Protein backbone atom coordinates (compact mmCIF):
# COMPACT_ATOMS: atom_id res chain seq x y z
CA ASN A 1 91.69 62.10 138.23
CA ASP A 2 90.63 64.84 135.75
CA ILE A 3 92.58 63.13 133.01
CA ILE A 4 90.77 59.85 133.64
CA THR A 5 87.41 61.61 133.62
CA GLY A 6 88.32 63.41 130.41
CA ASN A 7 89.33 60.16 128.73
CA ASN A 8 86.13 58.44 129.86
CA GLU A 9 84.01 61.30 128.55
CA ARG A 10 85.88 61.29 125.24
CA GLU A 11 85.44 57.55 124.92
CA GLN A 12 81.73 57.84 125.75
CA PHE A 13 81.38 60.64 123.16
CA TYR A 14 83.03 58.53 120.44
CA ASN A 15 80.89 55.52 121.38
CA GLU A 16 77.72 57.58 121.10
CA ILE A 17 78.83 58.97 117.72
CA ALA A 18 79.64 55.43 116.57
CA LEU A 19 76.20 54.29 117.67
CA CYS A 20 74.58 57.09 115.65
CA TYR A 21 76.71 56.09 112.66
CA THR A 22 75.63 52.46 112.97
CA LYS A 23 71.98 53.44 113.23
CA LEU A 24 72.38 55.54 110.07
CA VAL A 25 74.05 52.88 107.90
CA GLY A 26 72.66 49.79 109.62
CA GLY A 27 74.60 47.00 111.27
CA GLU A 28 75.43 45.66 114.66
CA ARG A 29 76.88 47.47 117.65
CA ASP A 30 77.10 46.41 121.29
CA GLY A 31 75.12 43.23 120.54
CA LYS A 32 72.18 45.09 118.95
CA LYS A 33 71.22 45.02 115.32
CA PHE A 34 70.03 48.20 113.59
CA ASP A 35 68.23 48.62 110.30
CA LYS A 36 69.65 51.17 107.89
CA GLN A 37 67.97 54.60 108.25
CA LEU A 38 69.86 56.22 105.38
CA GLY A 39 68.36 55.96 101.94
CA LEU A 40 70.46 56.78 98.88
CA TYR A 41 68.62 56.63 95.56
CA SER A 42 69.84 53.71 93.38
CA VAL A 43 72.88 53.00 95.59
CA ILE A 44 73.45 49.38 96.61
CA ASP A 45 77.11 49.47 97.58
CA GLN A 46 77.38 49.48 101.38
CA LYS A 47 80.75 51.22 101.10
CA LYS A 48 79.00 54.24 99.52
CA TYR A 49 76.61 54.39 102.46
CA ALA A 50 79.52 54.29 104.89
CA GLU A 51 81.36 57.08 103.02
CA PHE A 52 78.25 59.23 102.87
CA ALA A 53 77.62 58.78 106.60
CA VAL A 54 81.20 59.64 107.52
CA ARG A 55 81.03 62.84 105.39
CA LEU A 56 77.65 63.77 106.87
CA ILE A 57 78.79 63.26 110.45
CA GLY A 58 82.01 65.16 109.79
CA ARG A 59 80.17 68.07 108.16
CA ILE A 60 77.59 68.30 110.94
CA THR A 61 80.23 68.14 113.66
CA PHE A 62 82.22 70.89 111.99
CA CYS A 63 79.07 72.99 111.65
CA TRP A 64 78.27 72.38 115.31
CA PHE A 65 81.69 73.79 116.14
CA LEU A 66 80.97 76.85 113.97
CA LYS A 67 77.64 77.29 115.76
CA GLU A 68 79.43 77.29 119.12
CA LYS A 69 82.20 79.59 117.85
CA LYS A 70 81.43 83.31 118.15
CA SER A 71 82.63 86.15 115.98
CA ALA A 72 84.41 89.18 117.47
CA LYS A 73 80.92 90.69 117.86
CA GLY A 74 79.65 87.65 119.84
CA ILE A 75 77.58 86.24 116.97
CA SER A 76 77.61 82.52 116.14
CA LEU A 77 79.14 81.76 112.75
CA ILE A 78 76.18 79.48 112.09
CA PRO A 79 72.82 80.51 113.51
CA GLU A 80 71.51 78.36 116.34
CA GLU A 81 68.22 77.83 114.54
CA LEU A 82 69.86 75.98 111.65
CA LEU A 83 71.30 73.31 113.95
CA SER A 84 68.67 72.73 116.58
CA ILE A 85 66.19 70.09 117.60
CA ASP A 86 63.46 72.74 117.54
CA THR A 87 64.07 73.34 113.84
CA ILE A 88 63.99 69.63 113.16
CA ASN A 89 60.70 69.32 115.06
CA ASN A 90 59.14 72.13 113.02
CA GLN A 91 60.33 71.06 109.60
CA ASP A 92 59.77 68.02 107.44
CA ASN A 93 62.74 66.80 105.45
CA TYR A 94 65.36 68.63 107.53
CA TYR A 95 68.26 67.25 105.49
CA HIS A 96 67.09 68.71 102.21
CA LYS A 97 65.57 71.92 103.51
CA THR A 98 68.29 72.95 105.95
CA LEU A 99 71.49 70.92 105.79
CA GLU A 100 72.00 70.66 102.04
CA PRO A 101 71.63 74.43 101.57
CA LEU A 102 73.91 75.05 104.58
CA PHE A 103 76.58 72.72 103.23
CA PHE A 104 76.44 73.37 99.51
CA GLU A 105 74.82 76.79 98.98
CA LEU A 106 76.33 78.65 101.96
CA LEU A 107 79.54 77.12 103.35
CA ASN A 108 80.70 76.05 99.88
CA THR A 109 79.74 79.27 98.07
CA ASN A 110 81.47 82.64 98.14
CA GLN A 111 79.05 85.21 99.63
CA LYS A 112 79.12 87.25 96.40
CA LYS A 113 78.01 84.23 94.36
CA ARG A 114 75.24 82.91 96.62
CA LYS A 115 71.76 82.43 95.19
CA ASP A 116 69.27 85.20 96.12
CA LYS A 117 67.66 83.28 98.98
CA TYR A 118 71.06 82.72 100.61
CA ALA A 119 72.49 86.19 99.94
CA THR A 120 70.21 87.79 102.58
CA ASP A 121 71.27 89.28 105.92
CA GLU A 122 69.92 86.18 107.65
CA TYR A 123 72.85 84.17 106.26
CA LYS A 124 75.59 86.82 106.07
CA GLN A 125 77.48 85.61 109.15
CA ILE A 126 77.87 82.12 107.66
CA PRO A 127 81.39 82.01 106.27
CA TYR A 128 82.51 80.69 102.94
CA LEU A 129 84.94 77.83 103.54
CA ASN A 130 87.24 76.94 100.70
CA GLY A 131 88.54 73.62 102.04
CA GLY A 132 86.56 70.99 100.16
CA LEU A 133 84.66 69.59 103.16
CA PHE A 134 81.47 71.18 101.83
CA SER A 135 82.06 70.59 98.11
CA PRO A 136 79.35 68.24 96.88
CA HIS A 137 80.73 64.85 95.86
CA SER A 138 78.91 62.90 93.17
CA ASP A 139 78.08 60.40 95.93
CA ASP A 140 76.23 63.15 97.84
CA LEU A 141 73.51 62.94 95.19
CA TYR A 142 73.04 66.69 95.41
CA LYS A 143 71.00 68.28 92.65
CA TYR A 144 69.75 71.79 93.37
CA ASP A 145 66.00 72.22 92.81
CA SER A 146 65.44 75.90 92.01
CA LEU A 147 61.71 75.74 92.84
CA ALA A 148 62.23 74.23 96.28
CA GLN A 149 65.53 76.15 96.70
CA CYS A 150 67.23 73.10 98.16
CA GLY A 151 68.40 69.69 97.10
CA LYS A 152 66.08 67.50 95.03
CA PHE A 153 63.80 65.44 97.27
CA GLY A 154 64.01 61.68 97.15
CA LEU A 155 67.70 61.29 96.28
CA VAL A 156 68.77 61.14 99.94
CA ASN A 157 66.43 60.15 102.72
CA ILE A 158 67.35 60.53 106.38
CA PRO A 159 64.64 60.55 109.03
CA ASN A 160 64.45 63.68 111.17
CA GLU A 161 64.56 61.40 114.21
CA TRP A 162 68.16 60.45 113.41
CA PHE A 163 69.19 64.13 113.42
CA LYS A 164 67.44 64.73 116.75
CA GLU A 165 69.33 61.84 118.30
CA PHE A 166 72.66 63.00 116.84
CA TYR A 167 72.14 66.62 117.96
CA SER A 168 71.21 65.37 121.37
CA VAL A 169 74.62 63.65 121.59
CA LEU A 170 76.46 66.77 120.33
CA SER A 171 74.66 69.04 122.79
CA GLN A 172 75.87 66.93 125.77
CA TYR A 173 79.53 67.63 125.11
CA ASN A 174 81.74 70.69 124.80
C-alpha cells in the first residue's frame, strides 16, 4: 500500500511540475490552453523557450534540495530567504534580483572570486558547484549589470506569480 501511495504522490508531483512548465512556455495540458508566461528577448524559436524552461526548473529544483540540505552545523546550504514565497512577495523582478545572482554569481563562482556583494558572510554557506548546471548558456541571456548587481533587466521576463506557484508545488513534497 505504501508503494502505491508513493507512486501516486510521485506521479502527482511530476504532473504538477509539468503543468508549471506548460504555463511557463505556453501550450495545452489536460485540455486547458495556457499563454506563454516566459519572455526571452528577441527569441522566436519555441525550442529555445522549452530548453530555457527545462534548465530553469532543473536549477530551481536542485537549489530547493540545497535549501533543504543542512551542513554539519545544521545550516541550510542555500538560505531559506532566497527561495521563499515571502521573498517573491517582497521583491519585484525576482528572477533577475535573486535567482540569476544565485545561479551565476554564487553557485557558479568560486568563493574567492565572487564579486564584493556576494563575497559577504550572508552568502558564505552557499557552495561553489563546478558541474556546469549553473554555468550561463548563451541562451540564458545573462548579462551582468554592475549597477544593479544582477542580470540585465528585460532580457528574460518571468512573472513573480509563476515562481510562487512553482515554489508552492515544491513545498508540498519532500
